[in-house]
PDB file of N, CA and C in Angstrom:
ATOM      1  N   MET A   1     -51.270  59.737  93.377  1.00  0.00           N
ATOM      2  CA  MET A   1     -50.929  59.502  91.991  1.00  0.00           C
ATOM      3  C   MET A   1     -49.511  60.045  91.746  1.00  0.00           C
ATOM      4  N   SER A   2     -48.668  59.229  91.165  1.00  0.00           N
ATOM      5  CA  SER A   2     -47.316  59.700  90.880  1.00  0.00           C
ATOM      6  C   SER A   2     -47.024  59.533  89.390  1.00  0.00           C
ATOM      7  N   LYS A   3     -46.355  60.525  88.866  1.00  0.00           N
ATOM      8  CA  LYS A   3     -45.963  60.486  87.450  1.00  0.00           C
ATOM      9  C   LYS A   3     -44.465  60.309  87.376  1.00  0.00           C
ATOM     10  N   LYS A   4     -44.031  59.538  86.427  1.00  0.00           N
ATOM     11  CA  LYS A   4     -42.609  59.379  86.199  1.00  0.00           C
ATOM     12  C   LYS A   4     -42.245  60.130  84.929  1.00  0.00           C
ATOM     13  N   ILE A   5     -41.221  60.921  85.037  1.00  0.00           N
ATOM     14  CA  ILE A   5     -40.747  61.694  83.901  1.00  0.00           C
ATOM     15  C   ILE A   5     -39.388  61.138  83.488  1.00  0.00           C
ATOM     16  N   ALA A   6     -39.271  60.827  82.218  1.00  0.00           N
ATOM     17  CA  ALA A   6     -38.002  60.309  81.708  1.00  0.00           C
ATOM     18  C   ALA A   6     -37.040  61.472  81.507  1.00  0.00           C
ATOM     19  N   MET A   7     -35.886  61.382  82.103  1.00  0.00           N
ATOM     20  CA  MET A   7     -34.861  62.417  81.963  1.00  0.00           C
ATOM     21  C   MET A   7     -33.835  61.937  80.946  1.00  0.00           C
ATOM     22  N   THR A   8     -33.580  62.761  79.981  1.00  0.00           N
ATOM     23  CA  THR A   8     -32.579  62.403  78.978  1.00  0.00           C
ATOM     24  C   THR A   8     -31.279  63.140  79.270  1.00  0.00           C
ATOM     25  N   ALA A   9     -30.191  62.561  78.827  1.00  0.00           N
ATOM     26  CA  ALA A   9     -28.882  63.184  79.033  1.00  0.00           C
ATOM     27  C   ALA A   9     -28.757  64.418  78.157  1.00  0.00           C
ATOM     28  N   ARG A  10     -28.042  65.403  78.667  1.00  0.00           N
ATOM     29  CA  ARG A  10     -27.788  66.606  77.880  1.00  0.00           C
ATOM     30  C   ARG A  10     -26.839  66.293  76.734  1.00  0.00           C
ATOM     31  N   VAL A  11     -27.019  67.016  75.668  1.00  0.00           N
ATOM     32  CA  VAL A  11     -26.129  66.869  74.519  1.00  0.00           C
ATOM     33  C   VAL A  11     -24.765  67.428  74.911  1.00  0.00           C
ATOM     34  N   LYS A  12     -23.722  66.676  74.609  1.00  0.00           N
ATOM     35  CA  LYS A  12     -22.376  67.136  74.932  1.00  0.00           C
ATOM     36  C   LYS A  12     -22.008  68.333  74.059  1.00  0.00           C
ATOM     37  N   GLN A  13     -21.450  69.332  74.694  1.00  0.00           N
ATOM     38  CA  GLN A  13     -21.018  70.520  73.973  1.00  0.00           C
ATOM     39  C   GLN A  13     -19.789  70.189  73.128  1.00  0.00           C
ATOM     40  N   LYS A  14     -19.701  70.810  71.979  1.00  0.00           N
ATOM     41  CA  LYS A  14     -18.533  70.620  71.127  1.00  0.00           C
ATOM     42  C   LYS A  14     -17.513  71.706  71.467  1.00  0.00           C
ATOM     43  N   PRO A  15     -16.383  71.328  72.041  1.00  0.00           N
ATOM     44  CA  PRO A  15     -15.412  72.343  72.482  1.00  0.00           C
ATOM     45  C   PRO A  15     -14.857  73.184  71.336  1.00  0.00           C
ATOM     46  N   GLU A  16     -14.778  72.621  70.121  1.00  0.00           N
ATOM     47  CA  GLU A  16     -14.232  73.407  69.006  1.00  0.00           C
ATOM     48  C   GLU A  16     -15.158  74.566  68.641  1.00  0.00           C
ATOM     49  N   ILE A  17     -16.455  74.385  68.824  1.00  0.00           N
ATOM     50  CA  ILE A  17     -17.397  75.470  68.538  1.00  0.00           C
ATOM     51  C   ILE A  17     -17.239  76.573  69.574  1.00  0.00           C
ATOM     52  N   ASP A  18     -17.178  76.198  70.849  1.00  0.00           N
ATOM     53  CA  ASP A  18     -16.992  77.189  71.904  1.00  0.00           C
ATOM     54  C   ASP A  18     -15.680  77.939  71.718  1.00  0.00           C
ATOM     55  N   LYS A  19     -14.634  77.216  71.360  1.00  0.00           N
ATOM     56  CA  LYS A  19     -13.328  77.855  71.164  1.00  0.00           C
ATOM     57  C   LYS A  19     -13.395  78.867  70.031  1.00  0.00           C
ATOM     58  N   TRP A  20     -14.077  78.513  68.924  1.00  0.00           N
ATOM     59  CA  TRP A  20     -14.181  79.423  67.792  1.00  0.00           C
ATOM     60  C   TRP A  20     -14.931  80.690  68.198  1.00  0.00           C
ATOM     61  N   VAL A  21     -16.026  80.537  68.928  1.00  0.00           N
ATOM     62  CA  VAL A  21     -16.809  81.699  69.342  1.00  0.00           C
ATOM     63  C   VAL A  21     -15.987  82.596  70.268  1.00  0.00           C
ATOM     64  N   GLU A  22     -15.285  81.994  71.199  1.00  0.00           N
ATOM     65  CA  GLU A  22     -14.525  82.768  72.175  1.00  0.00           C
ATOM     66  C   GLU A  22     -13.290  83.435  71.582  1.00  0.00           C
ATOM     67  N   THR A  23     -12.669  82.837  70.579  1.00  0.00           N
ATOM     68  CA  THR A  23     -11.415  83.376  70.046  1.00  0.00           C
ATOM     69  C   THR A  23     -11.586  84.103  68.718  1.00  0.00           C
ATOM     70  N   ARG A  24     -12.801  84.143  68.199  1.00  0.00           N
ATOM     71  CA  ARG A  24     -13.048  84.779  66.902  1.00  0.00           C
ATOM     72  C   ARG A  24     -12.727  86.261  66.957  1.00  0.00           C
ATOM     73  N   GLU A  25     -12.047  86.724  65.941  1.00  0.00           N
ATOM     74  CA  GLU A  25     -11.763  88.148  65.818  1.00  0.00           C
ATOM     75  C   GLU A  25     -12.475  88.660  64.577  1.00  0.00           C
ATOM     76  N   PRO A  26     -13.052  89.855  64.649  1.00  0.00           N
ATOM     77  CA  PRO A  26     -13.735  90.388  63.474  1.00  0.00           C
ATOM     78  C   PRO A  26     -12.749  90.629  62.333  1.00  0.00           C
ATOM     79  N   LEU A  27     -13.238  90.535  61.100  1.00  0.00           N
ATOM     80  CA  LEU A  27     -12.381  90.784  59.937  1.00  0.00           C
ATOM     81  C   LEU A  27     -11.869  92.219  59.937  1.00  0.00           C
ATOM     82  N   VAL A  28     -12.740  93.140  60.322  1.00  0.00           N
ATOM     83  CA  VAL A  28     -12.370  94.547  60.389  1.00  0.00           C
ATOM     84  C   VAL A  28     -12.421  94.944  61.855  1.00  0.00           C
ATOM     85  N   PRO A  29     -11.274  95.067  62.498  1.00  0.00           N
ATOM     86  CA  PRO A  29     -11.298  95.387  63.918  1.00  0.00           C
ATOM     87  C   PRO A  29     -11.912  96.766  64.161  1.00  0.00           C
ATOM     88  N   LEU A  30     -12.758  96.843  65.169  1.00  0.00           N
ATOM     89  CA  LEU A  30     -13.354  98.131  65.518  1.00  0.00           C
ATOM     90  C   LEU A  30     -12.307  98.979  66.216  1.00  0.00           C
ATOM     91  N   LYS A  31     -12.327 100.282  65.944  1.00  0.00           N
ATOM     92  CA  LYS A  31     -11.395 101.183  66.587  1.00  0.00           C
ATOM     93  C   LYS A  31     -11.820 101.371  68.038  1.00  0.00           C
ATOM     94  N   LEU A  32     -10.865 101.310  68.936  1.00  0.00           N
ATOM     95  CA  LEU A  32     -11.154 101.477  70.351  1.00  0.00           C
ATOM     96  C   LEU A  32     -11.568 102.910  70.634  1.00  0.00           C
ATOM     97  N   ASN A  33     -12.357 103.088  71.658  1.00  0.00           N
ATOM     98  CA  ASN A  33     -12.824 104.399  72.105  1.00  0.00           C
ATOM     99  C   ASN A  33     -13.705 105.103  71.090  1.00  0.00           C
ATOM    100  N   VAL A  34     -14.221 104.381  70.115  1.00  0.00           N
ATOM    101  CA  VAL A  34     -15.135 104.955  69.139  1.00  0.00           C
ATOM    102  C   VAL A  34     -16.426 104.161  69.204  1.00  0.00           C
ATOM    103  N   LYS A  35     -17.507 104.859  69.493  1.00  0.00           N
ATOM    104  CA  LYS A  35     -18.795 104.180  69.558  1.00  0.00           C
ATOM    105  C   LYS A  35     -19.278 103.934  68.132  1.00  0.00           C
ATOM    106  N   PRO A  36     -19.489 102.672  67.744  1.00  0.00           N
ATOM    107  CA  PRO A  36     -19.926 102.396  66.369  1.00  0.00           C
ATOM    108  C   PRO A  36     -21.347 102.890  66.126  1.00  0.00           C
ATOM    109  N   LYS A  37     -21.617 103.240  64.900  1.00  0.00           N
ATOM    110  CA  LYS A  37     -22.953 103.651  64.481  1.00  0.00           C
ATOM    111  C   LYS A  37     -23.692 102.440  63.956  1.00  0.00           C
ATOM    112  N   ARG A  38     -24.980 102.377  64.227  1.00  0.00           N
ATOM    113  CA  ARG A  38     -25.804 101.257  63.787  1.00  0.00           C
ATOM    114  C   ARG A  38     -26.388 101.598  62.420  1.00  0.00           C
ATOM    115  N   LEU A  39     -26.394 100.627  61.537  1.00  0.00           N
ATOM    116  CA  LEU A  39     -26.940 100.772  60.194  1.00  0.00           C
ATOM    117  C   LEU A  39     -28.046  99.743  60.018  1.00  0.00           C
ATOM    118  N   THR A  40     -29.220 100.195  59.623  1.00  0.00           N
ATOM    119  CA  THR A  40     -30.346  99.287  59.418  1.00  0.00           C
ATOM    120  C   THR A  40     -30.785  99.392  57.968  1.00  0.00           C
ATOM    121  N   ILE A  41     -30.892  98.251  57.298  1.00  0.00           N
ATOM    122  CA  ILE A  41     -31.362  98.233  55.917  1.00  0.00           C
ATOM    123  C   ILE A  41     -32.434  97.161  55.768  1.00  0.00           C
ATOM    124  N   ASP A  42     -33.296  97.343  54.799  1.00  0.00           N
ATOM    125  CA  ASP A  42     -34.314  96.351  54.478  1.00  0.00           C
ATOM    126  C   ASP A  42     -33.868  95.619  53.220  1.00  0.00           C
ATOM    127  N   ILE A  43     -33.840  94.286  53.306  1.00  0.00           N
ATOM    128  CA  ILE A  43     -33.502  93.489  52.125  1.00  0.00           C
ATOM    129  C   ILE A  43     -34.539  92.385  51.962  1.00  0.00           C
ATOM    130  N   ASP A  44     -34.609  91.884  50.767  1.00  0.00           N
ATOM    131  CA  ASP A  44     -35.532  90.807  50.433  1.00  0.00           C
ATOM    132  C   ASP A  44     -35.198  89.566  51.278  1.00  0.00           C
ATOM    133  N   PRO A  45     -36.208  88.882  51.797  1.00  0.00           N
ATOM    134  CA  PRO A  45     -35.943  87.687  52.610  1.00  0.00           C
ATOM    135  C   PRO A  45     -35.094  86.627  51.898  1.00  0.00           C
ATOM    136  N   ALA A  46     -35.291  86.464  50.598  1.00  0.00           N
ATOM    137  CA  ALA A  46     -34.495  85.473  49.859  1.00  0.00           C
ATOM    138  C   ALA A  46     -33.017  85.888  49.822  1.00  0.00           C
ATOM    139  N   LEU A  47     -32.760  87.185  49.643  1.00  0.00           N
ATOM    140  CA  LEU A  47     -31.385  87.678  49.644  1.00  0.00           C
ATOM    141  C   LEU A  47     -30.766  87.520  51.034  1.00  0.00           C
ATOM    142  N   HIS A  48     -31.547  87.783  52.068  1.00  0.00           N
ATOM    143  CA  HIS A  48     -31.050  87.619  53.435  1.00  0.00           C
ATOM    144  C   HIS A  48     -30.669  86.163  53.698  1.00  0.00           C
ATOM    145  N   LYS A  49     -31.481  85.254  53.230  1.00  0.00           N
ATOM    146  CA  LYS A  49     -31.191  83.829  53.416  1.00  0.00           C
ATOM    147  C   LYS A  49     -29.889  83.449  52.719  1.00  0.00           C
ATOM    148  N   LYS A  50     -29.690  83.930  51.474  1.00  0.00           N
ATOM    149  CA  LYS A  50     -28.451  83.649  50.745  1.00  0.00           C
ATOM    150  C   LYS A  50     -27.245  84.240  51.482  1.00  0.00           C
ATOM    151  N   LEU A  51     -27.409  85.474  51.964  1.00  0.00           N
ATOM    152  CA  LEU A  51     -26.333  86.149  52.685  1.00  0.00           C
ATOM    153  C   LEU A  51     -25.962  85.362  53.943  1.00  0.00           C
ATOM    154  N   LYS A  52     -26.964  84.967  54.688  1.00  0.00           N
ATOM    155  CA  LYS A  52     -26.733  84.243  55.932  1.00  0.00           C
ATOM    156  C   LYS A  52     -26.064  82.894  55.671  1.00  0.00           C
ATOM    157  N   MET A  53     -26.548  82.161  54.669  1.00  0.00           N
ATOM    158  CA  MET A  53     -25.962  80.861  54.346  1.00  0.00           C
ATOM    159  C   MET A  53     -24.511  81.015  53.877  1.00  0.00           C
ATOM    160  N   ASN A  54     -24.246  82.061  53.089  1.00  0.00           N
ATOM    161  CA  ASN A  54     -22.891  82.312  52.610  1.00  0.00           C
ATOM    162  C   ASN A  54     -21.950  82.578  53.782  1.00  0.00           C
ATOM    163  N   CYS A  55     -22.415  83.365  54.734  1.00  0.00           N
ATOM    164  CA  CYS A  55     -21.582  83.677  55.897  1.00  0.00           C
ATOM    165  C   CYS A  55     -21.362  82.454  56.772  1.00  0.00           C
ATOM    166  N   VAL A  56     -22.370  81.613  56.908  1.00  0.00           N
ATOM    167  CA  VAL A  56     -22.211  80.387  57.694  1.00  0.00           C
ATOM    168  C   VAL A  56     -21.152  79.494  57.053  1.00  0.00           C
ATOM    169  N   LYS A  57     -21.222  79.336  55.738  1.00  0.00           N
ATOM    170  CA  LYS A  57     -20.244  78.493  55.038  1.00  0.00           C
ATOM    171  C   LYS A  57     -18.829  79.033  55.202  1.00  0.00           C
ATOM    172  N   ARG A  58     -18.696  80.373  55.225  1.00  0.00           N
ATOM    173  CA  ARG A  58     -17.383  80.997  55.326  1.00  0.00           C
ATOM    174  C   ARG A  58     -16.947  81.214  56.776  1.00  0.00           C
ATOM    175  N   GLU A  59     -17.846  80.863  57.712  1.00  0.00           N
ATOM    176  CA  GLU A  59     -17.585  81.021  59.141  1.00  0.00           C
ATOM    177  C   GLU A  59     -17.252  82.463  59.508  1.00  0.00           C
ATOM    178  N   ILE A  60     -18.055  83.381  58.989  1.00  0.00           N
ATOM    179  CA  ILE A  60     -17.889  84.798  59.316  1.00  0.00           C
ATOM    180  C   ILE A  60     -19.240  85.375  59.720  1.00  0.00           C
ATOM    181  N   GLN A  61     -19.208  86.498  60.377  1.00  0.00           N
ATOM    182  CA  GLN A  61     -20.416  87.200  60.770  1.00  0.00           C
ATOM    183  C   GLN A  61     -20.896  88.072  59.608  1.00  0.00           C
ATOM    184  N   ILE A  62     -22.208  88.225  59.487  1.00  0.00           N
ATOM    185  CA  ILE A  62     -22.782  89.087  58.442  1.00  0.00           C
ATOM    186  C   ILE A  62     -22.231  90.500  58.593  1.00  0.00           C
ATOM    187  N   ALA A  63     -22.193  91.008  59.816  1.00  0.00           N
ATOM    188  CA  ALA A  63     -21.719  92.377  60.046  1.00  0.00           C
ATOM    189  C   ALA A  63     -20.272  92.548  59.583  1.00  0.00           C
ATOM    190  N   ASP A  64     -19.422  91.544  59.837  1.00  0.00           N
ATOM    191  CA  ASP A  64     -18.023  91.636  59.405  1.00  0.00           C
ATOM    192  C   ASP A  64     -17.922  91.680  57.883  1.00  0.00           C
ATOM    193  N   LEU A  65     -18.721  90.847  57.210  1.00  0.00           N
ATOM    194  CA  LEU A  65     -18.716  90.840  55.746  1.00  0.00           C
ATOM    195  C   LEU A  65     -19.168  92.195  55.210  1.00  0.00           C
ATOM    196  N   LEU A  66     -20.253  92.722  55.754  1.00  0.00           N
ATOM    197  CA  LEU A  66     -20.773  93.996  55.265  1.00  0.00           C
ATOM    198  C   LEU A  66     -19.806  95.145  55.532  1.00  0.00           C
ATOM    199  N   ARG A  67     -19.164  95.153  56.706  1.00  0.00           N
ATOM    200  CA  ARG A  67     -18.165  96.198  56.982  1.00  0.00           C
ATOM    201  C   ARG A  67     -17.034  96.147  55.960  1.00  0.00           C
ATOM    202  N   THR A  68     -16.560  94.927  55.668  1.00  0.00           N
ATOM    203  CA  THR A  68     -15.471  94.763  54.704  1.00  0.00           C
ATOM    204  C   THR A  68     -15.893  95.233  53.313  1.00  0.00           C
ATOM    205  N   LEU A  69     -17.085  94.833  52.883  1.00  0.00           N
ATOM    206  CA  LEU A  69     -17.567  95.231  51.556  1.00  0.00           C
ATOM    207  C   LEU A  69     -17.773  96.741  51.454  1.00  0.00           C
ATOM    208  N   ILE A  70     -18.316  97.346  52.482  1.00  0.00           N
ATOM    209  CA  ILE A  70     -18.529  98.802  52.466  1.00  0.00           C
ATOM    210  C   ILE A  70     -17.189  99.526  52.401  1.00  0.00           C
ATOM    211  N   GLU A  71     -16.244  99.114  53.241  1.00  0.00           N
ATOM    212  CA  GLU A  71     -14.923  99.760  53.214  1.00  0.00           C
ATOM    213  C   GLU A  71     -14.249  99.593  51.859  1.00  0.00           C
ATOM    214  N   ARG A  72     -14.321  98.389  51.299  1.00  0.00           N
ATOM    215  CA  ARG A  72     -13.707  98.122  50.000  1.00  0.00           C
ATOM    216  C   ARG A  72     -14.329  99.006  48.920  1.00  0.00           C
ATOM    217  N   GLU A  73     -15.636  99.117  48.930  1.00  0.00           N
ATOM    218  CA  GLU A  73     -16.338  99.929  47.931  1.00  0.00           C
ATOM    219  C   GLU A  73     -15.980 101.395  48.072  1.00  0.00           C
ATOM    220  N   ILE A  74     -15.958 101.890  49.284  1.00  0.00           N
ATOM    221  CA  ILE A  74     -15.647 103.305  49.512  1.00  0.00           C
ATOM    222  C   ILE A  74     -14.196 103.603  49.171  1.00  0.00           C
ATOM    223  N   ASP A  75     -13.293 102.706  49.553  1.00  0.00           N
ATOM    224  CA  ASP A  75     -11.873 102.919  49.267  1.00  0.00           C
ATOM    225  C   ASP A  75     -11.555 102.854  47.777  1.00  0.00           C
ATOM    226  N   SER A  76     -12.288 102.042  47.031  1.00  0.00           N
ATOM    227  CA  SER A  76     -11.972 101.881  45.617  1.00  0.00           C
ATOM    228  C   SER A  76     -12.628 102.940  44.725  1.00  0.00           C
ATOM    229  N   HIS A  77     -13.622 103.629  45.252  1.00  0.00           N
ATOM    230  CA  HIS A  77     -14.323 104.643  44.462  1.00  0.00           C
ATOM    231  C   HIS A  77     -14.547 105.877  45.315  1.00  0.00           C
ATOM    232  N   ASN A  78     -14.194 107.017  44.777  1.00  0.00           N
ATOM    233  CA  ASN A  78     -14.416 108.255  45.511  1.00  0.00           C
ATOM    234  C   ASN A  78     -15.814 108.806  45.301  1.00  0.00           C
ATOM    235  N   GLN A  79     -16.541 108.199  44.410  1.00  0.00           N
ATOM    236  CA  GLN A  79     -17.898 108.670  44.154  1.00  0.00           C
ATOM    237  C   GLN A  79     -18.915 107.624  44.623  1.00  0.00           C
ATOM    238  N   PRO A  80     -20.112 108.066  44.986  1.00  0.00           N
ATOM    239  CA  PRO A  80     -21.130 107.100  45.421  1.00  0.00           C
ATOM    240  C   PRO A  80     -21.506 106.133  44.299  1.00  0.00           C
ATOM    241  N   ILE A  81     -21.984 104.972  44.674  1.00  0.00           N
ATOM    242  CA  ILE A  81     -22.364 103.936  43.730  1.00  0.00           C
ATOM    243  C   ILE A  81     -23.437 104.442  42.770  1.00  0.00           C
ATOM    244  N   LEU A  82     -24.382 105.202  43.278  1.00  0.00           N
ATOM    245  CA  LEU A  82     -25.515 105.650  42.463  1.00  0.00           C
ATOM    246  C   LEU A  82     -25.116 106.697  41.425  1.00  0.00           C
ATOM    247  N   ASP A  83     -23.951 107.320  41.552  1.00  0.00           N
ATOM    248  CA  ASP A  83     -23.526 108.349  40.593  1.00  0.00           C
ATOM    249  C   ASP A  83     -22.747 107.794  39.413  1.00  0.00           C
ATOM    250  N   ARG A  84     -22.526 106.490  39.363  1.00  0.00           N
ATOM    251  CA  ARG A  84     -21.722 105.925  38.268  1.00  0.00           C
ATOM    252  C   ARG A  84     -22.456 105.928  36.979  1.00  0.00           C
TER     253      ARG A  84
END
């Protein structure tokens, strides 16, 4: 008994996507020789979906956006957000 399996062609890779991934630079460059600290937060799934979609539209990473927002907030205010 022999079975025939239909082989389909692979989807052609889009070179512009590969180029973007390979040449992308973070918005906030990490300092060399400094091990970054990991930050974990819990957010509502609906908020996460909005955040992810926003970053996709802007072609940025979530981590880059959050680093930029945290730095901006800290630089603009010397006091914590909760003390306002």
